[in-house]
Amino acid sequence: MQAWFASHPLVSYIIIFVLITYVYNKVFRVRQKLPLLKEIILYILMAIGSGMLLIFQHDKLPIIQCLLVAVALMLLVRVRYFVEARQKKKAEAAAKRG
């Protein structure tokens, strides 16, 4: 897989940028929106950071795989919160009935 990513740097860059953007938006974004100029600067800095991570990926570090693990763990936490919320609703409904 590392060889394929090394031979396709544009695809690797896009994957890294998309994964970093997803992680930022799900973990680090505050509730209120940033002003447009700050938002543009933020995404430009993330694009530059993605370029640096692409260099590390090209030097045989598993950057994309690590980002995929991070996204998978984030999805796992979201599923856990969803299941806990459903169980809490069921418990509250059962308490109201009984």
Protein backbone atom coordinates (compact mmCIF):
# COMPACT_ATOMS: atom_id res chain seq x y z
CA MET A 1 0.00 0.00 0.00
CA GLN A 2 2.88 2.37 0.80
CA ALA A 3 4.30 1.83 -2.68
CA TRP A 4 0.97 2.66 -4.28
CA PHE A 5 0.64 5.87 -2.27
CA ALA A 6 4.23 6.76 -3.14
CA SER A 7 3.52 6.32 -6.85
CA HIS A 8 0.31 8.41 -6.66
CA PRO A 9 1.25 11.57 -4.72
CA LEU A 10 -1.76 13.66 -5.80
CA VAL A 11 -4.21 11.02 -4.58
CA SER A 12 -2.23 10.70 -1.35
CA TYR A 13 -2.30 14.47 -0.84
CA ILE A 14 -6.07 14.64 -1.39
CA ILE A 15 -6.69 11.73 1.01
CA ILE A 16 -4.49 13.34 3.68
CA PHE A 17 -6.21 16.72 3.27
CA VAL A 18 -9.71 15.22 3.43
CA LEU A 19 -8.88 13.17 6.52
CA ILE A 20 -7.27 16.13 8.30
CA THR A 21 -10.28 18.30 7.45
CA TYR A 22 -12.65 15.66 8.79
CA VAL A 23 -10.69 15.31 12.03
CA TYR A 24 -10.58 19.08 12.48
CA ASN A 25 -14.29 19.54 11.83
CA LYS A 26 -15.35 16.72 14.16
CA VAL A 27 -12.91 17.29 17.02
CA PHE A 28 -11.49 20.79 17.10
CA ARG A 29 -14.19 23.02 15.59
CA VAL A 30 -15.93 25.30 18.03
CA ARG A 31 -19.70 25.68 18.02
CA GLN A 32 -19.64 29.15 16.50
CA LYS A 33 -18.41 29.77 12.98
CA LEU A 34 -15.14 31.58 12.40
CA PRO A 35 -15.05 34.71 10.26
CA LEU A 36 -14.54 33.94 6.57
CA LEU A 37 -10.94 35.22 6.38
CA LYS A 38 -9.89 33.16 9.40
CA GLU A 39 -11.62 30.13 7.91
CA ILE A 40 -9.73 30.58 4.62
CA ILE A 41 -6.42 31.00 6.46
CA LEU A 42 -7.15 27.88 8.50
CA TYR A 43 -7.78 25.75 5.42
CA ILE A 44 -4.68 27.16 3.70
CA LEU A 45 -2.61 26.18 6.74
CA MET A 46 -4.19 22.72 6.72
CA ALA A 47 -3.29 22.41 3.02
CA ILE A 48 0.32 23.34 3.80
CA GLY A 49 0.34 20.86 6.70
CA SER A 50 -1.05 18.20 4.38
CA GLY A 51 1.88 18.86 2.07
CA MET A 52 4.30 18.32 4.93
CA LEU A 53 2.53 15.10 5.90
CA LEU A 54 2.72 14.01 2.27
CA ILE A 55 6.50 14.31 2.48
CA PHE A 56 6.46 12.08 5.58
CA GLN A 57 4.14 9.64 3.78
CA HIS A 58 6.54 9.55 0.85
CA ASP A 59 9.40 8.81 3.28
CA LYS A 60 7.61 5.57 4.25
CA LEU A 61 5.81 6.77 7.38
CA PRO A 62 2.21 5.46 7.58
CA ILE A 63 0.51 8.86 7.75
CA ILE A 64 -2.63 7.89 5.83
CA GLN A 65 -3.04 4.68 7.81
CA CYS A 66 -2.71 6.58 11.10
CA LEU A 67 -5.29 9.14 9.99
CA LEU A 68 -7.63 6.32 8.99
CA VAL A 69 -7.24 4.77 12.45
CA ALA A 70 -8.00 8.15 14.04
CA VAL A 71 -11.16 8.54 11.92
CA ALA A 72 -12.21 4.96 12.72
CA LEU A 73 -11.80 5.61 16.46
CA MET A 74 -13.82 8.82 16.13
CA LEU A 75 -16.61 6.90 14.39
CA LEU A 76 -16.46 4.24 17.10
CA VAL A 77 -16.93 6.89 19.79
CA ARG A 78 -19.89 8.37 17.90
CA VAL A 79 -21.52 4.91 17.66
CA ARG A 80 -20.93 4.42 21.38
CA TYR A 81 -22.59 7.74 22.22
CA PHE A 82 -25.51 6.83 19.95
CA VAL A 83 -25.98 3.45 21.67
CA GLU A 84 -25.72 5.02 25.13
CA ALA A 85 -28.32 7.64 24.20
CA ARG A 86 -30.70 4.93 22.97
CA GLN A 87 -30.24 2.91 26.16
CA LYS A 88 -30.86 6.00 28.26
CA LYS A 89 -34.07 6.73 26.33
CA LYS A 90 -35.23 3.13 26.84
CA ALA A 91 -34.49 3.31 30.56
CA GLU A 92 -36.40 6.58 30.89
CA ALA A 93 -39.34 5.16 28.95
CA ALA A 94 -39.36 2.05 31.13
CA ALA A 95 -39.22 4.18 34.29
CA LYS A 96 -42.22 6.22 33.14
CA ARG A 97 -44.26 3.05 32.47
CA GLY A 98 -43.36 1.26 35.68
